[in-house]
C-alpha atoms as a PDB file:
ATOM      1  CA  MET A   1      89.665  94.751  46.005  1.00  0.00           C
ATOM      2  CA  VAL A   2      90.260  98.194  47.598  1.00  0.00           C
ATOM      3  CA  LYS A   3      87.038  99.889  48.712  1.00  0.00           C
ATOM      4  CA  ARG A   4      85.922 102.884  46.862  1.00  0.00           C
ATOM      5  CA  LYS A   5      86.077 105.008  49.943  1.00  0.00           C
ATOM      6  CA  THR A   6      89.604 104.058  50.540  1.00  0.00           C
ATOM      7  CA  ALA A   7      90.615 104.734  47.014  1.00  0.00           C
ATOM      8  CA  LEU A   8      89.083 108.284  47.356  1.00  0.00           C
ATOM      9  CA  LYS A   9      91.033 108.949  50.469  1.00  0.00           C
ATOM     10  CA  ILE A  10      94.283 107.778  48.701  1.00  0.00           C
ATOM     11  CA  ARG A  11      93.443 110.042  45.740  1.00  0.00           C
ATOM     12  CA  LYS A  12      92.774 112.988  47.984  1.00  0.00           C
ATOM     13  CA  THR A  13      95.993 112.519  49.992  1.00  0.00           C
ATOM     14  CA  HIS A  14      97.894 112.267  46.891  1.00  0.00           C
ATOM     15  CA  ARG A  15      96.443 115.382  45.213  1.00  0.00           C
ATOM     16  CA  TYR A  16      96.961 117.502  48.336  1.00  0.00           C
ATOM     17  CA  LEU A  17     100.464 116.351  49.023  1.00  0.00           C
ATOM     18  CA  GLY A  18     101.375 117.028  45.412  1.00  0.00           C
ATOM     19  CA  LEU A  19      99.839 120.555  45.729  1.00  0.00           C
ATOM     20  CA  PHE A  20     101.724 121.265  48.952  1.00  0.00           C
ATOM     21  CA  LEU A  21     105.115 119.854  47.789  1.00  0.00           C
ATOM     22  CA  GLY A  22     104.784 121.161  44.090  1.00  0.00           C
ATOM     23  CA  VAL A  23     106.484 124.498  44.670  1.00  0.00           C
ATOM     24  CA  GLN A  24     109.521 122.936  46.407  1.00  0.00           C
ATOM     25  CA  PHE A  25     109.748 120.257  43.770  1.00  0.00           C
ATOM     26  CA  LEU A  26     109.796 122.968  41.210  1.00  0.00           C
ATOM     27  CA  PHE A  27     112.681 124.723  43.063  1.00  0.00           C
ATOM     28  CA  TRP A  28     114.525 121.437  43.261  1.00  0.00           C
ATOM     29  CA  THR A  29     114.157 120.910  39.503  1.00  0.00           C
ATOM     30  CA  ILE A  30     115.103 124.507  38.501  1.00  0.00           C
ATOM     31  CA  SER A  31     118.067 124.556  40.850  1.00  0.00           C
ATOM     32  CA  GLY A  32     119.289 121.075  39.738  1.00  0.00           C
ATOM     33  CA  MET A  33     119.089 122.203  36.065  1.00  0.00           C
ATOM     34  CA  TYR A  34     120.983 125.435  36.803  1.00  0.00           C
ATOM     35  CA  PHE A  35     123.690 123.558  38.639  1.00  0.00           C
ATOM     36  CA  SER A  36     124.162 120.998  35.840  1.00  0.00           C
ATOM     37  CA  TRP A  37     124.156 123.652  33.028  1.00  0.00           C
ATOM     38  CA  THR A  38     126.696 126.119  34.708  1.00  0.00           C
ATOM     39  CA  ASN A  39     130.443 126.094  34.942  1.00  0.00           C
ATOM     40  CA  ILE A  40     131.424 125.943  38.640  1.00  0.00           C
ATOM     41  CA  ASP A  41     134.714 127.877  37.835  1.00  0.00           C
ATOM     42  CA  ASP A  42     132.641 130.725  36.295  1.00  0.00           C
ATOM     43  CA  ILE A  43     130.447 130.684  39.494  1.00  0.00           C
ATOM     44  CA  HIS A  44     133.639 130.976  41.524  1.00  0.00           C
ATOM     45  CA  GLY A  45     134.525 134.019  39.481  1.00  0.00           C
ATOM     46  CA  ASP A  46     137.717 132.565  37.693  1.00  0.00           C
ATOM     47  CA  GLN A  47     136.864 134.654  34.652  1.00  0.00           C
ATOM     48  CA  PHE A  48     137.497 137.861  36.628  1.00  0.00           C
ATOM     49  CA  CYS A  49     140.651 136.650  38.278  1.00  0.00           C
ATOM     50  CA  ASN A  50     144.379 136.687  37.302  1.00  0.00           C
ATOM     51  CA  LEU A  51     144.931 133.068  37.396  1.00  0.00           C
ATOM     52  CA  ASP A  52     148.606 133.417  36.248  1.00  0.00           C
ATOM     53  CA  TYR A  53     149.538 135.550  39.288  1.00  0.00           C
ATOM     54  CA  VAL A  54     152.622 134.239  41.244  1.00  0.00           C
ATOM     55  CA  PRO A  55     153.323 135.805  44.575  1.00  0.00           C
ATOM     56  CA  LYS A  56     156.453 137.960  44.533  1.00  0.00           C
ATOM     57  CA  ALA A  57     159.660 136.571  45.992  1.00  0.00           C
ATOM     58  CA  PHE A  58     161.478 138.698  48.554  1.00  0.00           C
ATOM     59  CA  ASP A  59     164.937 138.805  49.865  1.00  0.00           C
ATOM     60  CA  ASP A  60     166.682 140.532  52.888  1.00  0.00           C
ATOM     61  CA  LEU A  61     163.943 139.392  55.198  1.00  0.00           C
ATOM     62  CA  ILE A  62     164.578 139.121  58.927  1.00  0.00           C
ATOM     63  CA  SER A  63     164.280 135.783  60.570  1.00  0.00           C
ATOM     64  CA  PRO A  64     160.912 135.157  62.192  1.00  0.00           C
ATOM     65  CA  SER A  65     162.803 134.409  65.445  1.00  0.00           C
ATOM     66  CA  GLN A  66     163.701 138.052  65.636  1.00  0.00           C
ATOM     67  CA  ILE A  67     160.086 139.179  65.966  1.00  0.00           C
ATOM     68  CA  ASN A  68     158.944 139.965  69.416  1.00  0.00           C
ATOM     69  CA  ASN A  69     155.619 138.136  69.547  1.00  0.00           C
ATOM     70  CA  PRO A  70     154.628 137.422  73.249  1.00  0.00           C
ATOM     71  CA  GLU A  71     152.861 134.010  72.266  1.00  0.00           C
ATOM     72  CA  GLY A  72     155.777 132.706  70.225  1.00  0.00           C
ATOM     73  CA  ILE A  73     155.278 131.520  66.666  1.00  0.00           C
ATOM     74  CA  GLY A  74     152.950 128.543  66.028  1.00  0.00           C
ATOM     75  CA  SER A  75     152.271 129.332  62.323  1.00  0.00           C
ATOM     76  CA  ILE A  76     153.537 131.760  59.751  1.00  0.00           C
ATOM     77  CA  GLU A  77     152.669 133.016  56.279  1.00  0.00           C
ATOM     78  CA  ILE A  78     154.064 135.599  54.153  1.00  0.00           C
ATOM     79  CA  ARG A  79     151.955 138.376  52.570  1.00  0.00           C
ATOM     80  CA  ASP A  80     152.824 140.714  49.631  1.00  0.00           C
ATOM     81  CA  ILE A  81     150.974 144.051  50.577  1.00  0.00           C
ATOM     82  CA  ASN A  82     151.711 146.775  48.181  1.00  0.00           C
ATOM     83  CA  ASN A  83     155.088 145.211  47.231  1.00  0.00           C
ATOM     84  CA  GLU A  84     156.078 145.039  50.775  1.00  0.00           C
ATOM     85  CA  PRO A  85     156.657 141.695  52.741  1.00  0.00           C
ATOM     86  CA  TYR A  86     154.733 140.886  55.811  1.00  0.00           C
ATOM     87  CA  TYR A  87     154.545 137.942  58.143  1.00  0.00           C
ATOM     88  CA  TRP A  88     151.173 136.744  59.163  1.00  0.00           C
ATOM     89  CA  ILE A  89     151.845 135.010  62.526  1.00  0.00           C
ATOM     90  CA  ASN A  90     149.515 132.556  64.450  1.00  0.00           C
ATOM     91  CA  ASN A  91     146.605 133.738  62.340  1.00  0.00           C
ATOM     92  CA  GLN A  92     146.419 136.779  64.450  1.00  0.00           C
ATOM     93  CA  LYS A  93     148.820 139.550  63.573  1.00  0.00           C
ATOM     94  CA  LEU A  94     150.836 141.118  60.703  1.00  0.00           C
ATOM     95  CA  TYR A  95     154.664 141.978  61.212  1.00  0.00           C
ATOM     96  CA  SER A  96     156.881 143.700  58.671  1.00  0.00           C
ATOM     97  CA  ALA A  97     159.254 140.973  57.256  1.00  0.00           C
ATOM     98  CA  LYS A  98     162.037 143.525  56.965  1.00  0.00           C
ATOM     99  CA  THR A  99     161.792 145.459  60.358  1.00  0.00           C
ATOM    100  CA  GLY A 100     159.761 143.254  62.515  1.00  0.00           C
ATOM    101  CA  LYS A 101     157.322 146.027  63.376  1.00  0.00           C
ATOM    102  CA  ALA A 102     153.713 145.007  64.126  1.00  0.00           C
ATOM    103  CA  LYS A 103     151.112 146.305  61.577  1.00  0.00           C
ATOM    104  CA  LYS A 104     147.598 146.574  62.878  1.00  0.00           C
ATOM    105  CA  ASN A 105     145.527 146.913  59.718  1.00  0.00           C
ATOM    106  CA  ILE A 106     146.008 147.605  56.108  1.00  0.00           C
ATOM    107  CA  THR A 107     144.872 150.779  54.393  1.00  0.00           C
ATOM    108  CA  GLU A 108     142.459 151.078  51.431  1.00  0.00           C
ATOM    109  CA  GLU A 109     145.347 151.766  49.235  1.00  0.00           C
ATOM    110  CA  GLU A 110     146.954 148.513  50.201  1.00  0.00           C
ATOM    111  CA  ALA A 111     143.818 146.668  49.861  1.00  0.00           C
ATOM    112  CA  LEU A 112     143.497 147.884  46.196  1.00  0.00           C
ATOM    113  CA  SER A 113     147.063 146.910  45.578  1.00  0.00           C
ATOM    114  CA  VAL A 114     146.317 143.240  46.786  1.00  0.00           C
ATOM    115  CA  ALA A 115     143.177 143.127  44.715  1.00  0.00           C
ATOM    116  CA  LYS A 116     145.059 144.419  41.689  1.00  0.00           C
ATOM    117  CA  ASN A 117     147.394 141.401  41.901  1.00  0.00           C
ATOM    118  CA  TYR A 118     144.537 138.906  41.884  1.00  0.00           C
ATOM    119  CA  MET A 119     142.153 140.540  39.490  1.00  0.00           C
ATOM    120  CA  LYS A 120     142.348 140.850  35.663  1.00  0.00           C
ATOM    121  CA  ASP A 121     143.715 143.957  34.246  1.00  0.00           C
ATOM    122  CA  GLY A 122     141.260 146.390  32.799  1.00  0.00           C
ATOM    123  CA  LEU A 123     138.681 146.247  35.593  1.00  0.00           C
ATOM    124  CA  LYS A 124     137.758 149.677  36.862  1.00  0.00           C
ATOM    125  CA  VAL A 125     137.230 150.173  40.504  1.00  0.00           C
ATOM    126  CA  ALA A 126     133.936 151.875  41.227  1.00  0.00           C
ATOM    127  CA  ASN A 127     134.017 151.983  44.999  1.00  0.00           C
ATOM    128  CA  ILE A 128     135.754 150.639  48.097  1.00  0.00           C
ATOM    129  CA  GLU A 129     134.357 150.447  51.698  1.00  0.00           C
ATOM    130  CA  LYS A 130     135.228 148.725  54.890  1.00  0.00           C
ATOM    131  CA  ILE A 131     132.678 146.348  56.473  1.00  0.00           C
ATOM    132  CA  THR A 132     132.956 145.005  60.069  1.00  0.00           C
ATOM    133  CA  GLU A 133     129.987 142.867  60.356  1.00  0.00           C
ATOM    134  CA  VAL A 134     127.619 140.681  58.019  1.00  0.00           C
ATOM    135  CA  ASP A 135     124.521 138.750  58.672  1.00  0.00           C
ATOM    136  CA  ASP A 136     123.905 135.125  57.845  1.00  0.00           C
ATOM    137  CA  TYR A 137     122.677 135.855  54.260  1.00  0.00           C
ATOM    138  CA  HIS A 138     125.568 138.206  53.271  1.00  0.00           C
ATOM    139  CA  GLU A 139     127.680 137.045  50.247  1.00  0.00           C
ATOM    140  CA  TYR A 140     130.795 137.453  52.370  1.00  0.00           C
ATOM    141  CA  ARG A 141     129.549 135.380  55.310  1.00  0.00           C
ATOM    142  CA  GLU A 142     131.758 133.046  57.369  1.00  0.00           C
ATOM    143  CA  LYS A 143     135.048 134.840  56.196  1.00  0.00           C
ATOM    144  CA  LEU A 144     137.485 136.964  58.063  1.00  0.00           C
ATOM    145  CA  LEU A 145     136.237 140.464  59.143  1.00  0.00           C
ATOM    146  CA  PRO A 146     136.684 143.372  59.069  1.00  0.00           C
ATOM    147  CA  ALA A 147     137.255 143.356  55.284  1.00  0.00           C
ATOM    148  CA  TYR A 148     137.382 145.829  52.345  1.00  0.00           C
ATOM    149  CA  VAL A 149     134.784 145.288  49.689  1.00  0.00           C
ATOM    150  CA  ILE A 150     136.106 146.619  46.332  1.00  0.00           C
ATOM    151  CA  SER A 151     133.172 147.156  43.828  1.00  0.00           C
ATOM    152  CA  TYR A 152     133.995 147.095  40.066  1.00  0.00           C
ATOM    153  CA  ASP A 153     132.216 148.835  37.343  1.00  0.00           C
ATOM    154  CA  THR A 154     130.901 145.933  35.445  1.00  0.00           C
ATOM    155  CA  ASP A 155     127.432 144.589  34.472  1.00  0.00           C
ATOM    156  CA  GLU A 156     127.984 141.546  36.674  1.00  0.00           C
ATOM    157  CA  ALA A 157     127.998 143.685  39.875  1.00  0.00           C
ATOM    158  CA  LEU A 158     131.436 142.413  40.703  1.00  0.00           C
ATOM    159  CA  ASN A 159     132.831 142.652  44.172  1.00  0.00           C
ATOM    160  CA  ALA A 160     136.306 141.540  45.517  1.00  0.00           C
ATOM    161  CA  TYR A 161     136.996 141.210  49.294  1.00  0.00           C
ATOM    162  CA  VAL A 162     140.343 141.740  51.108  1.00  0.00           C
ATOM    163  CA  SER A 163     140.583 141.238  54.688  1.00  0.00           C
ATOM    164  CA  VAL A 164     141.685 144.253  56.793  1.00  0.00           C
ATOM    165  CA  THR A 165     143.639 142.311  59.457  1.00  0.00           C
ATOM    166  CA  ASP A 166     145.937 140.107  57.416  1.00  0.00           C
ATOM    167  CA  GLY A 167     145.763 141.761  53.991  1.00  0.00           C
ATOM    168  CA  LYS A 168     144.731 138.512  52.410  1.00  0.00           C
ATOM    169  CA  PHE A 169     142.705 138.400  49.149  1.00  0.00           C
ATOM    170  CA  GLN A 170     139.567 136.497  50.221  1.00  0.00           C
ATOM    171  CA  THR A 171     137.168 135.999  47.270  1.00  0.00           C
ATOM    172  CA  VAL A 172     135.077 137.445  44.519  1.00  0.00           C
ATOM    173  CA  ARG A 173     131.243 137.769  44.135  1.00  0.00           C
ATOM    174  CA  HIS A 174     129.172 138.512  41.139  1.00  0.00           C
ATOM    175  CA  ARG A 175     125.670 138.210  39.789  1.00  0.00           C
ATOM    176  CA  ALA A 176     125.870 134.553  38.684  1.00  0.00           C
ATOM    177  CA  TRP A 177     127.280 133.576  42.079  1.00  0.00           C
ATOM    178  CA  ARG A 178     124.393 135.271  43.872  1.00  0.00           C
ATOM    179  CA  TRP A 179     121.870 133.312  41.657  1.00  0.00           C
ATOM    180  CA  PHE A 180     123.774 130.179  42.350  1.00  0.00           C
ATOM    181  CA  ASP A 181     123.659 130.924  46.199  1.00  0.00           C
ATOM    182  CA  PHE A 182     119.992 131.659  46.190  1.00  0.00           C
ATOM    183  CA  LEU A 183     119.172 128.516  44.183  1.00  0.00           C
ATOM    184  CA  TRP A 184     121.528 126.490  46.366  1.00  0.00           C
ATOM    185  CA  MET A 185     119.613 127.791  49.364  1.00  0.00           C
ATOM    186  CA  THR A 186     116.273 126.540  47.973  1.00  0.00           C
ATOM    187  CA  HIS A 187     117.755 123.238  47.057  1.00  0.00           C
ATOM    188  CA  THR A 188     119.205 122.484  50.580  1.00  0.00           C
ATOM    189  CA  MET A 189     116.218 124.117  52.164  1.00  0.00           C
ATOM    190  CA  ASP A 190     118.748 125.711  54.657  1.00  0.00           C
ATOM    191  CA  TYR A 191     117.657 129.320  54.825  1.00  0.00           C
ATOM    192  CA  ASP A 192     120.264 130.328  57.371  1.00  0.00           C
ATOM    193  CA  THR A 193     123.846 129.025  56.540  1.00  0.00           C
ATOM    194  CA  ARG A 194     123.021 127.546  53.024  1.00  0.00           C
ATOM    195  CA  ASP A 195     125.081 124.454  53.578  1.00  0.00           C
ATOM    196  CA  ASN A 196     123.260 122.271  56.089  1.00  0.00           C
ATOM    197  CA  PHE A 197     121.819 119.234  54.563  1.00  0.00           C
ATOM    198  CA  ASN A 198     120.486 117.847  57.793  1.00  0.00           C
ATOM    199  CA  THR A 199     117.715 120.441  58.434  1.00  0.00           C
ATOM    200  CA  ILE A 200     114.295 119.224  59.752  1.00  0.00           C
ATOM    201  CA  VAL A 201     112.636 120.949  56.942  1.00  0.00           C
ATOM    202  CA  LEU A 202     114.600 119.223  54.253  1.00  0.00           C
ATOM    203  CA  ARG A 203     114.044 115.811  55.994  1.00  0.00           C
ATOM    204  CA  ALA A 204     110.386 116.506  56.332  1.00  0.00           C
ATOM    205  CA  PHE A 205     110.039 117.531  52.524  1.00  0.00           C
ATOM    206  CA  SER A 206     111.977 114.525  51.582  1.00  0.00           C
ATOM    207  CA  LEU A 207     109.875 112.228  53.601  1.00  0.00           C
ATOM    208  CA  LEU A 208     106.659 113.707  52.407  1.00  0.00           C
ATOM    209  CA  GLY A 209     107.981 113.644  48.794  1.00  0.00           C
ATOM    210  CA  LEU A 210     108.500 109.860  49.217  1.00  0.00           C
ATOM    211  CA  ILE A 211     104.931 109.407  50.480  1.00  0.00           C
ATOM    212  CA  THR A 212     103.549 111.435  47.544  1.00  0.00           C
ATOM    213  CA  VAL A 213     105.437 109.081  45.151  1.00  0.00           C
ATOM    214  CA  LEU A 214     104.266 105.913  46.952  1.00  0.00           C
ATOM    215  CA  SER A 215     100.698 107.171  47.072  1.00  0.00           C
ATOM    216  CA  GLY A 216     100.846 107.712  43.290  1.00  0.00           C
ATOM    217  CA  PHE A 217     101.845 104.058  42.708  1.00  0.00           C
ATOM    218  CA  LEU A 218      99.198 102.991  45.107  1.00  0.00           C
ATOM    219  CA  LEU A 219      96.610 105.114  43.422  1.00  0.00           C
ATOM    220  CA  TRP A 220      97.685 103.638  40.015  1.00  0.00           C
ATOM    221  CA  TYR A 221      97.277 100.153  41.535  1.00  0.00           C
ATOM    222  CA  THR A 222      93.836 100.655  43.059  1.00  0.00           C
ATOM    223  CA  SER A 223      92.444 102.375  39.858  1.00  0.00           C
ATOM    224  CA  SER A 224      94.093 100.474  37.038  1.00  0.00           C
ATOM    225  CA  PRO A 225      91.648  98.571  34.765  1.00  0.00           C
ATOM    226  CA  THR A 226      94.441  96.174  33.860  1.00  0.00           C
ATOM    227  CA  ILE A 227      94.936  95.287  37.655  1.00  0.00           C
ATOM    228  CA  ARG A 228      91.228  94.853  38.083  1.00  0.00           C
ATOM    229  CA  LYS A 229      90.894  92.453  34.990  1.00  0.00           C
ATOM    230  CA  LEU A 230      93.929  90.506  36.381  1.00  0.00           C
ATOM    231  CA  LYS A 231      92.390  90.147  39.973  1.00  0.00           C
ATOM    232  CA  LYS A 232      89.061  88.991  38.337  1.00  0.00           C
ATOM    233  CA  LYS A 233      90.842  86.259  36.359  1.00  0.00           C
ATOM    234  CA  ILE A 234      92.693  85.150  39.402  1.00  0.00           C
ATOM    235  CA  ILE A 235      89.484  84.938  41.491  1.00  0.00           C
ATOM    236  CA  LYS A 236      87.803  82.978  38.767  1.00  0.00           C
ATOM    237  CA  SER A 237      90.597  80.567  38.374  1.00  0.00           C
END
């Protein structure tokens, strides 16, 4: 039989662990429910994008070998920027695919034309601005900077991002995505980058959660009348 003093210690440990971990358990439950009940394509913003867009095919392009790039060409992609073809070379610089002339950055007008290709018709642009840096919590983190953020006049606070250097459509962000991002942060307990599952905080809370569950089983075992009666029968026999 477990002594009464020991049983009280187990009960007290279980109670305070439950109180300490309860808020995080609540966040895990709420975020898990949100993830399971939402369509990930909607979170990505597919409902705002022109999924039927096919990049324009160009002709009369110069050979990439004619471009005077000091570092040579290791990789190359083609960009449609305001109906003009450009080569994006070595993930560093744009060159006109018709003249070979280097292009430093794209303009606001060109960014709007790129966004128009990828976004659905009927969306009204409310504002456009250039951002050069973001913090770890920004919705555009870990993507190419500087970039133009194009805000649309919608109830979902919709933003589209086009990178200034290469003229590529990067991503869309909206209210549902921001809720997902916040709940994902609480789920992973990574309050910096959001995506690290190996944080010390998460490991500690997971371990404490296991201890809480085990202490609950132990508490049931030490206080269950059925277990006590069974032990008495075993002792008598």
